Amino acid sequence: MDEQKKLIEKLREQYIKNPPEGMTSSMVSRMSDDDLLDMSYFLNEDLYDDDVGEEGFYIF
């Protein structure tokens, strides 16, 4: 099993056990792999944020 499939399986289990607000476990279980990855990205956007466009000190 490749790494992406392992990640998807792990995320699906995580969100089935603890679905995001406004969702149910059965909704999560029926989501496509792409939708699940998108949802996880947007729920954890701050983890992936690269601060582009943020005010602050930059060295170029």
PDB file of N, CA and C in Angstrom:
ATOM      1  N   MET A   1       0.859  -1.180   0.000  1.00  0.00           N
ATOM      2  CA  MET A   1       0.000   0.000   0.000  1.00  0.00           C
ATOM      3  C   MET A   1       0.900   1.236   0.000  1.00  0.00           C
ATOM      4  N   ASP A   2       0.621   2.173  -0.877  1.00  0.00           N
ATOM      5  CA  ASP A   2       1.470   3.363  -0.942  1.00  0.00           C
ATOM      6  C   ASP A   2       1.145   4.341   0.187  1.00  0.00           C
ATOM      7  N   GLU A   3       2.015   5.319   0.341  1.00  0.00           N
ATOM      8  CA  GLU A   3       1.918   6.267   1.461  1.00  0.00           C
ATOM      9  C   GLU A   3       0.613   7.058   1.459  1.00  0.00           C
ATOM     10  N   GLN A   4       0.142   7.466   0.275  1.00  0.00           N
ATOM     11  CA  GLN A   4      -1.087   8.255   0.217  1.00  0.00           C
ATOM     12  C   GLN A   4      -2.283   7.426   0.674  1.00  0.00           C
ATOM     13  N   LYS A   5      -2.339   6.165   0.284  1.00  0.00           N
ATOM     14  CA  LYS A   5      -3.450   5.299   0.713  1.00  0.00           C
ATOM     15  C   LYS A   5      -3.417   5.097   2.220  1.00  0.00           C
ATOM     16  N   LYS A   6      -2.212   4.964   2.784  1.00  0.00           N
ATOM     17  CA  LYS A   6      -2.084   4.813   4.239  1.00  0.00           C
ATOM     18  C   LYS A   6      -2.575   6.071   4.947  1.00  0.00           C
ATOM     19  N   LEU A   7      -2.205   7.231   4.403  1.00  0.00           N
ATOM     20  CA  LEU A   7      -2.644   8.499   4.988  1.00  0.00           C
ATOM     21  C   LEU A   7      -4.160   8.618   4.922  1.00  0.00           C
ATOM     22  N   ILE A   8      -4.739   8.294   3.786  1.00  0.00           N
ATOM     23  CA  ILE A   8      -6.191   8.380   3.619  1.00  0.00           C
ATOM     24  C   ILE A   8      -6.900   7.453   4.600  1.00  0.00           C
ATOM     25  N   GLU A   9      -6.396   6.243   4.743  1.00  0.00           N
ATOM     26  CA  GLU A   9      -6.987   5.291   5.677  1.00  0.00           C
ATOM     27  C   GLU A   9      -6.918   5.821   7.108  1.00  0.00           C
ATOM     28  N   LYS A  10      -5.764   6.383   7.482  1.00  0.00           N
ATOM     29  CA  LYS A  10      -5.583   6.942   8.826  1.00  0.00           C
ATOM     30  C   LYS A  10      -6.527   8.128   9.061  1.00  0.00           C
ATOM     31  N   LEU A  11      -6.610   9.031   8.083  1.00  0.00           N
ATOM     32  CA  LEU A  11      -7.493  10.191   8.216  1.00  0.00           C
ATOM     33  C   LEU A  11      -8.959   9.772   8.314  1.00  0.00           C
ATOM     34  N   ARG A  12      -9.343   8.804   7.478  1.00  0.00           N
ATOM     35  CA  ARG A  12     -10.738   8.354   7.501  1.00  0.00           C
ATOM     36  C   ARG A  12     -11.089   7.791   8.880  1.00  0.00           C
ATOM     37  N   GLU A  13     -10.212   6.957   9.439  1.00  0.00           N
ATOM     38  CA  GLU A  13     -10.446   6.411  10.776  1.00  0.00           C
ATOM     39  C   GLU A  13     -10.549   7.523  11.811  1.00  0.00           C
ATOM     40  N   GLN A  14      -9.651   8.494  11.720  1.00  0.00           N
ATOM     41  CA  GLN A  14      -9.631   9.619  12.664  1.00  0.00           C
ATOM     42  C   GLN A  14     -10.942  10.398  12.604  1.00  0.00           C
ATOM     43  N   TYR A  15     -11.390  10.727  11.393  1.00  0.00           N
ATOM     44  CA  TYR A  15     -12.595  11.543  11.250  1.00  0.00           C
ATOM     45  C   TYR A  15     -13.877  10.752  11.474  1.00  0.00           C
ATOM     46  N   ILE A  16     -13.845   9.441  11.304  1.00  0.00           N
ATOM     47  CA  ILE A  16     -15.016   8.628  11.633  1.00  0.00           C
ATOM     48  C   ILE A  16     -15.193   8.591  13.149  1.00  0.00           C
ATOM     49  N   LYS A  17     -14.067   8.457  13.865  1.00  0.00           N
ATOM     50  CA  LYS A  17     -14.127   8.431  15.335  1.00  0.00           C
ATOM     51  C   LYS A  17     -14.517   9.785  15.911  1.00  0.00           C
ATOM     52  N   ASN A  18     -14.083  10.851  15.265  1.00  0.00           N
ATOM     53  CA  ASN A  18     -14.345  12.199  15.755  1.00  0.00           C
ATOM     54  C   ASN A  18     -14.657  13.102  14.552  1.00  0.00           C
ATOM     55  N   PRO A  19     -15.894  13.021  14.031  1.00  0.00           N
ATOM     56  CA  PRO A  19     -16.224  13.800  12.827  1.00  0.00           C
ATOM     57  C   PRO A  19     -16.205  15.306  13.094  1.00  0.00           C
ATOM     58  N   PRO A  20     -15.842  16.076  12.070  1.00  0.00           N
ATOM     59  CA  PRO A  20     -15.865  17.531  12.205  1.00  0.00           C
ATOM     60  C   PRO A  20     -17.292  18.027  12.472  1.00  0.00           C
ATOM     61  N   GLU A  21     -17.377  19.208  13.043  1.00  0.00           N
ATOM     62  CA  GLU A  21     -18.674  19.801  13.348  1.00  0.00           C
ATOM     63  C   GLU A  21     -19.526  19.868  12.086  1.00  0.00           C
ATOM     64  N   GLY A  22     -20.767  19.446  12.210  1.00  0.00           N
ATOM     65  CA  GLY A  22     -21.700  19.477  11.093  1.00  0.00           C
ATOM     66  C   GLY A  22     -21.677  18.225  10.241  1.00  0.00           C
ATOM     67  N   MET A  23     -20.849  17.265  10.588  1.00  0.00           N
ATOM     68  CA  MET A  23     -20.762  16.018   9.832  1.00  0.00           C
ATOM     69  C   MET A  23     -21.013  14.846  10.760  1.00  0.00           C
ATOM     70  N   THR A  24     -21.336  13.716  10.158  1.00  0.00           N
ATOM     71  CA  THR A  24     -21.502  12.483  10.919  1.00  0.00           C
ATOM     72  C   THR A  24     -20.449  11.474  10.471  1.00  0.00           C
ATOM     73  N   SER A  25     -20.279  10.444  11.254  1.00  0.00           N
ATOM     74  CA  SER A  25     -19.330   9.391  10.909  1.00  0.00           C
ATOM     75  C   SER A  25     -19.682   8.743   9.578  1.00  0.00           C
ATOM     76  N   SER A  26     -20.975   8.547   9.327  1.00  0.00           N
ATOM     77  CA  SER A  26     -21.382   7.917   8.065  1.00  0.00           C
ATOM     78  C   SER A  26     -21.091   8.823   6.871  1.00  0.00           C
ATOM     79  N   MET A  27     -21.188  10.126   7.057  1.00  0.00           N
ATOM     80  CA  MET A  27     -20.842  11.060   5.975  1.00  0.00           C
ATOM     81  C   MET A  27     -19.358  10.929   5.637  1.00  0.00           C
ATOM     82  N   VAL A  28     -18.524  10.862   6.667  1.00  0.00           N
ATOM     83  CA  VAL A  28     -17.087  10.738   6.464  1.00  0.00           C
ATOM     84  C   VAL A  28     -16.766   9.416   5.770  1.00  0.00           C
ATOM     85  N   SER A  29     -17.432   8.349   6.172  1.00  0.00           N
ATOM     86  CA  SER A  29     -17.138   7.034   5.591  1.00  0.00           C
ATOM     87  C   SER A  29     -17.505   6.965   4.112  1.00  0.00           C
ATOM     88  N   ARG A  30     -18.451   7.803   3.664  1.00  0.00           N
ATOM     89  CA  ARG A  30     -18.873   7.798   2.260  1.00  0.00           C
ATOM     90  C   ARG A  30     -18.115   8.798   1.395  1.00  0.00           C
ATOM     91  N   MET A  31     -17.250   9.603   1.996  1.00  0.00           N
ATOM     92  CA  MET A  31     -16.512  10.613   1.234  1.00  0.00           C
ATOM     93  C   MET A  31     -15.503   9.960   0.302  1.00  0.00           C
ATOM     94  N   SER A  32     -15.282  10.594  -0.839  1.00  0.00           N
ATOM     95  CA  SER A  32     -14.231  10.125  -1.739  1.00  0.00           C
ATOM     96  C   SER A  32     -12.879  10.427  -1.102  1.00  0.00           C
ATOM     97  N   ASP A  33     -11.857   9.747  -1.571  1.00  0.00           N
ATOM     98  CA  ASP A  33     -10.515   9.981  -1.039  1.00  0.00           C
ATOM     99  C   ASP A  33     -10.095  11.435  -1.236  1.00  0.00           C
ATOM    100  N   ASP A  34     -10.378  11.984  -2.416  1.00  0.00           N
ATOM    101  CA  ASP A  34     -10.011  13.379  -2.695  1.00  0.00           C
ATOM    102  C   ASP A  34     -10.745  14.350  -1.778  1.00  0.00           C
ATOM    103  N   ASP A  35     -12.039  14.111  -1.551  1.00  0.00           N
ATOM    104  CA  ASP A  35     -12.806  14.981  -0.661  1.00  0.00           C
ATOM    105  C   ASP A  35     -12.279  14.903   0.771  1.00  0.00           C
ATOM    106  N   LEU A  36     -11.901  13.721   1.187  1.00  0.00           N
ATOM    107  CA  LEU A  36     -11.362  13.541   2.532  1.00  0.00           C
ATOM    108  C   LEU A  36     -10.043  14.304   2.697  1.00  0.00           C
ATOM    109  N   LEU A  37      -9.171  14.211   1.704  1.00  0.00           N
ATOM    110  CA  LEU A  37      -7.904  14.942   1.757  1.00  0.00           C
ATOM    111  C   LEU A  37      -8.138  16.451   1.744  1.00  0.00           C
ATOM    112  N   ASP A  38      -9.080  16.905   0.919  1.00  0.00           N
ATOM    113  CA  ASP A  38      -9.406  18.337   0.879  1.00  0.00           C
ATOM    114  C   ASP A  38      -9.925  18.814   2.221  1.00  0.00           C
ATOM    115  N   MET A  39     -10.845  18.046   2.812  1.00  0.00           N
ATOM    116  CA  MET A  39     -11.412  18.422   4.101  1.00  0.00           C
ATOM    117  C   MET A  39     -10.314  18.501   5.156  1.00  0.00           C
ATOM    118  N   SER A  40      -9.439  17.519   5.178  1.00  0.00           N
ATOM    119  CA  SER A  40      -8.362  17.509   6.163  1.00  0.00           C
ATOM    120  C   SER A  40      -7.448  18.710   5.967  1.00  0.00           C
ATOM    121  N   TYR A  41      -7.159  19.043   4.718  1.00  0.00           N
ATOM    122  CA  TYR A  41      -6.306  20.206   4.441  1.00  0.00           C
ATOM    123  C   TYR A  41      -6.936  21.484   4.985  1.00  0.00           C
ATOM    124  N   PHE A  42      -8.218  21.691   4.694  1.00  0.00           N
ATOM    125  CA  PHE A  42      -8.861  22.933   5.130  1.00  0.00           C
ATOM    126  C   PHE A  42      -9.080  22.978   6.637  1.00  0.00           C
ATOM    127  N   LEU A  43      -9.275  21.826   7.270  1.00  0.00           N
ATOM    128  CA  LEU A  43      -9.411  21.807   8.720  1.00  0.00           C
ATOM    129  C   LEU A  43      -8.080  22.068   9.412  1.00  0.00           C
ATOM    130  N   ASN A  44      -6.986  21.776   8.718  1.00  0.00           N
ATOM    131  CA  ASN A  44      -5.649  21.923   9.304  1.00  0.00           C
ATOM    132  C   ASN A  44      -4.803  22.893   8.506  1.00  0.00           C
ATOM    133  N   GLU A  45      -5.443  23.852   7.879  1.00  0.00           N
ATOM    134  CA  GLU A  45      -4.767  24.788   6.980  1.00  0.00           C
ATOM    135  C   GLU A  45      -3.582  25.478   7.633  1.00  0.00           C
ATOM    136  N   ASP A  46      -3.694  25.784   8.916  1.00  0.00           N
ATOM    137  CA  ASP A  46      -2.600  26.472   9.595  1.00  0.00           C
ATOM    138  C   ASP A  46      -1.337  25.615   9.689  1.00  0.00           C
ATOM    139  N   LEU A  47      -1.474  24.305   9.630  1.00  0.00           N
ATOM    140  CA  LEU A  47      -0.301  23.433   9.644  1.00  0.00           C
ATOM    141  C   LEU A  47       0.469  23.516   8.330  1.00  0.00           C
ATOM    142  N   TYR A  48      -0.247  23.823   7.241  1.00  0.00           N
ATOM    143  CA  TYR A  48       0.364  23.868   5.921  1.00  0.00           C
ATOM    144  C   TYR A  48       0.674  25.283   5.470  1.00  0.00           C
ATOM    145  N   ASP A  49       0.312  26.263   6.273  1.00  0.00           N
ATOM    146  CA  ASP A  49       0.471  27.663   5.899  1.00  0.00           C
ATOM    147  C   ASP A  49       1.947  28.003   5.755  1.00  0.00           C
ATOM    148  N   ASP A  50       2.280  28.612   4.637  1.00  0.00           N
ATOM    149  CA  ASP A  50       3.678  28.987   4.412  1.00  0.00           C
ATOM    150  C   ASP A  50       3.902  30.489   4.611  1.00  0.00           C
ATOM    151  N   ASP A  51       2.931  31.182   5.157  1.00  0.00           N
ATOM    152  CA  ASP A  51       3.010  32.598   5.493  1.00  0.00           C
ATOM    153  C   ASP A  51       3.207  33.503   4.279  1.00  0.00           C
ATOM    154  N   VAL A  52       2.929  33.034   3.101  1.00  0.00           N
ATOM    155  CA  VAL A  52       3.027  33.877   1.914  1.00  0.00           C
ATOM    156  C   VAL A  52       1.946  34.946   2.002  1.00  0.00           C
ATOM    157  N   GLY A  53       2.345  36.174   1.812  1.00  0.00           N
ATOM    158  CA  GLY A  53       1.397  37.271   1.868  1.00  0.00           C
ATOM    159  C   GLY A  53       1.160  37.818   3.265  1.00  0.00           C
ATOM    160  N   GLU A  54       1.746  37.197   4.264  1.00  0.00           N
ATOM    161  CA  GLU A  54       1.582  37.687   5.628  1.00  0.00           C
ATOM    162  C   GLU A  54       2.546  38.842   5.856  1.00  0.00           C
ATOM    163  N   GLU A  55       2.122  39.768   6.699  1.00  0.00           N
ATOM    164  CA  GLU A  55       3.009  40.872   7.035  1.00  0.00           C
ATOM    165  C   GLU A  55       4.091  40.366   7.969  1.00  0.00           C
ATOM    166  N   GLY A  56       5.266  40.876   7.799  1.00  0.00           N
ATOM    167  CA  GLY A  56       6.360  40.470   8.645  1.00  0.00           C
ATOM    168  C   GLY A  56       7.704  40.747   8.002  1.00  0.00           C
ATOM    169  N   PHE A  57       8.711  40.159   8.539  1.00  0.00           N
ATOM    170  CA  PHE A  57      10.074  40.365   8.075  1.00  0.00           C
ATOM    171  C   PHE A  57      10.486  39.250   7.117  1.00  0.00           C
ATOM    172  N   TYR A  58      10.903  39.650   5.932  1.00  0.00           N
ATOM    173  CA  TYR A  58      11.318  38.664   4.935  1.00  0.00           C
ATOM    174  C   TYR A  58      12.728  38.980   4.460  1.00  0.00           C
ATOM    175  N   ILE A  59      13.507  37.982   4.231  1.00  0.00           N
ATOM    176  CA  ILE A  59      14.834  38.134   3.650  1.00  0.00           C
ATOM    177  C   ILE A  59      14.761  37.571   2.249  1.00  0.00           C
ATOM    178  N   PHE A  60      15.105  38.413   1.277  1.00  0.00           N
ATOM    179  CA  PHE A  60      15.059  37.973  -0.121  1.00  0.00           C
ATOM    180  C   PHE A  60      16.447  37.908  -0.689  1.00  0.00           C
TER     181      PHE A  60
END
